[in-house]
């Protein structure tokens, strides 16, 4: 079953609307990292993190 995809900032605690329950997938746009992590969690993107690339 395909989940309903909603944006966290449109619901509590960011607004007066309660978060719905059930088959819901959430996108978190509060900052860059949260947005990327939520899209990765939904399988929309692949998020790869690299270690320090500075030369020693």
N, C-alpha and C. Protein backbone atom coordinates (compact mmCIF):
# COMPACT_ATOMS: atom_id res chain seq x y z
N UNK A 1 0.84 -1.17 0.00
CA UNK A 1 0.00 0.00 0.00
C UNK A 1 0.90 1.24 0.00
N UNK A 2 0.54 2.20 -0.80
CA UNK A 2 1.32 3.43 -0.91
C UNK A 2 0.92 4.39 0.22
N UNK A 3 1.92 4.92 0.94
CA UNK A 3 1.59 5.83 2.05
C UNK A 3 1.19 7.23 1.57
N UNK A 4 0.45 7.90 2.39
CA UNK A 4 0.16 9.32 2.19
C UNK A 4 1.41 10.07 2.62
N UNK A 5 1.95 10.94 1.77
CA UNK A 5 3.17 11.68 2.09
C UNK A 5 2.79 13.09 2.51
N UNK A 6 3.18 13.46 3.74
CA UNK A 6 2.83 14.76 4.30
C UNK A 6 4.08 15.48 4.81
N UNK A 7 3.97 16.77 4.97
CA UNK A 7 5.06 17.61 5.45
C UNK A 7 4.85 17.89 6.93
N UNK A 8 5.87 17.60 7.74
CA UNK A 8 5.73 17.73 9.20
C UNK A 8 5.38 19.13 9.67
N UNK A 9 5.88 20.15 8.99
CA UNK A 9 5.67 21.53 9.45
C UNK A 9 4.23 22.01 9.26
N UNK A 10 3.39 21.22 8.61
CA UNK A 10 1.98 21.59 8.45
C UNK A 10 1.10 21.07 9.58
N UNK A 11 1.71 20.33 10.53
CA UNK A 11 0.95 19.71 11.61
C UNK A 11 1.61 20.01 12.95
N UNK A 12 0.93 19.64 14.04
CA UNK A 12 1.44 19.87 15.39
C UNK A 12 2.83 19.27 15.52
N UNK A 13 3.73 19.90 16.19
CA UNK A 13 3.59 21.10 17.03
C UNK A 13 3.79 22.41 16.28
N UNK A 14 3.92 22.37 14.95
CA UNK A 14 4.16 23.58 14.18
C UNK A 14 2.88 24.33 13.83
N UNK A 15 1.73 23.68 13.91
CA UNK A 15 0.45 24.33 13.64
C UNK A 15 -0.60 23.75 14.59
N UNK A 16 -1.84 24.17 14.41
CA UNK A 16 -2.91 23.70 15.30
C UNK A 16 -3.57 22.41 14.79
N UNK A 17 -3.09 21.85 13.70
CA UNK A 17 -3.63 20.60 13.16
C UNK A 17 -2.93 19.40 13.79
N UNK A 18 -3.72 18.41 14.19
CA UNK A 18 -3.16 17.17 14.73
C UNK A 18 -2.57 16.33 13.59
N UNK A 19 -1.51 15.59 13.91
CA UNK A 19 -0.91 14.70 12.92
C UNK A 19 -1.83 13.51 12.69
N UNK A 20 -2.13 13.20 11.44
CA UNK A 20 -2.96 12.03 11.17
C UNK A 20 -2.19 10.74 11.47
N UNK A 21 -2.93 9.70 11.74
CA UNK A 21 -2.32 8.39 12.01
C UNK A 21 -2.63 7.47 10.84
N UNK A 22 -1.93 6.39 10.75
CA UNK A 22 -2.14 5.42 9.69
C UNK A 22 -0.92 5.31 8.81
N UNK A 23 -1.14 4.99 7.57
CA UNK A 23 -0.05 4.78 6.61
C UNK A 23 0.41 6.14 6.07
N UNK A 24 1.22 6.83 6.88
CA UNK A 24 1.69 8.18 6.55
C UNK A 24 3.21 8.19 6.53
N UNK A 25 3.79 8.77 5.49
CA UNK A 25 5.23 8.99 5.41
C UNK A 25 5.45 10.50 5.55
N UNK A 26 6.47 10.87 6.31
CA UNK A 26 6.68 12.28 6.64
C UNK A 26 7.92 12.84 5.97
N UNK A 27 7.81 14.06 5.46
CA UNK A 27 8.95 14.83 4.96
C UNK A 27 9.18 15.95 5.96
N UNK A 28 10.42 16.07 6.45
CA UNK A 28 10.75 17.09 7.44
C UNK A 28 11.58 18.21 6.85
N UNK A 29 10.97 19.36 6.55
CA UNK A 29 11.71 20.46 5.92
C UNK A 29 12.30 21.48 6.88
N UNK A 30 12.47 21.13 8.15
CA UNK A 30 12.90 22.14 9.13
C UNK A 30 14.31 22.65 8.89
N UNK A 31 15.19 21.82 8.32
CA UNK A 31 16.53 22.26 7.93
C UNK A 31 17.03 21.34 6.81
N UNK A 32 18.17 21.68 6.25
CA UNK A 32 18.70 20.92 5.10
C UNK A 32 18.92 19.45 5.41
N UNK A 33 19.52 19.17 6.55
CA UNK A 33 19.84 17.79 6.92
C UNK A 33 18.57 16.98 7.14
N UNK A 34 17.62 17.54 7.85
CA UNK A 34 16.36 16.84 8.11
C UNK A 34 15.62 16.55 6.81
N UNK A 35 15.61 17.50 5.90
CA UNK A 35 14.95 17.31 4.61
C UNK A 35 15.60 16.17 3.83
N UNK A 36 16.93 16.19 3.75
CA UNK A 36 17.63 15.13 3.02
C UNK A 36 17.44 13.77 3.68
N UNK A 37 17.50 13.72 5.01
CA UNK A 37 17.31 12.44 5.71
C UNK A 37 15.90 11.90 5.53
N UNK A 38 14.90 12.77 5.53
CA UNK A 38 13.53 12.30 5.35
C UNK A 38 13.31 11.81 3.92
N UNK A 39 13.87 12.48 2.93
CA UNK A 39 13.76 12.01 1.54
C UNK A 39 14.51 10.69 1.35
N UNK A 40 15.64 10.54 2.02
CA UNK A 40 16.38 9.27 1.98
C UNK A 40 15.54 8.15 2.62
N UNK A 41 14.91 8.44 3.74
CA UNK A 41 14.08 7.45 4.41
C UNK A 41 12.90 6.99 3.57
N UNK A 42 12.42 7.88 2.69
CA UNK A 42 11.31 7.52 1.80
C UNK A 42 11.79 6.81 0.54
N UNK A 43 13.11 6.76 0.34
CA UNK A 43 13.64 6.11 -0.85
C UNK A 43 13.64 6.99 -2.08
N UNK A 44 13.43 8.29 -1.91
CA UNK A 44 13.41 9.21 -3.04
C UNK A 44 14.82 9.52 -3.51
N UNK A 45 15.75 9.63 -2.58
CA UNK A 45 17.15 9.89 -2.89
C UNK A 45 18.02 8.90 -2.14
N UNK A 46 19.26 8.79 -2.56
CA UNK A 46 20.24 8.02 -1.81
C UNK A 46 21.21 9.02 -1.20
N UNK A 47 21.31 9.01 0.10
CA UNK A 47 22.15 9.95 0.83
C UNK A 47 23.44 9.26 1.22
N UNK A 48 24.55 9.78 0.72
CA UNK A 48 25.86 9.24 1.03
C UNK A 48 26.64 10.30 1.78
N UNK A 49 27.29 9.92 2.86
CA UNK A 49 28.10 10.85 3.64
C UNK A 49 29.55 10.45 3.52
N UNK A 50 30.40 11.43 3.23
CA UNK A 50 31.82 11.18 3.08
C UNK A 50 32.56 11.67 4.32
N UNK A 51 33.65 11.00 4.63
CA UNK A 51 34.50 11.42 5.75
C UNK A 51 35.25 12.69 5.38
N UNK A 52 36.10 13.09 6.26
CA UNK A 52 36.92 14.29 6.03
C UNK A 52 37.82 14.08 4.83
N UNK A 53 37.73 14.97 3.85
CA UNK A 53 38.51 14.85 2.62
C UNK A 53 39.77 15.71 2.66
N UNK A 54 40.04 16.35 3.78
CA UNK A 54 41.20 17.22 3.87
C UNK A 54 42.50 16.39 3.83
N UNK A 55 43.47 16.92 3.12
CA UNK A 55 44.77 16.24 3.05
C UNK A 55 45.52 16.40 4.35
N UNK A 56 46.22 15.36 4.75
CA UNK A 56 46.96 15.40 6.01
C UNK A 56 48.37 15.86 5.77
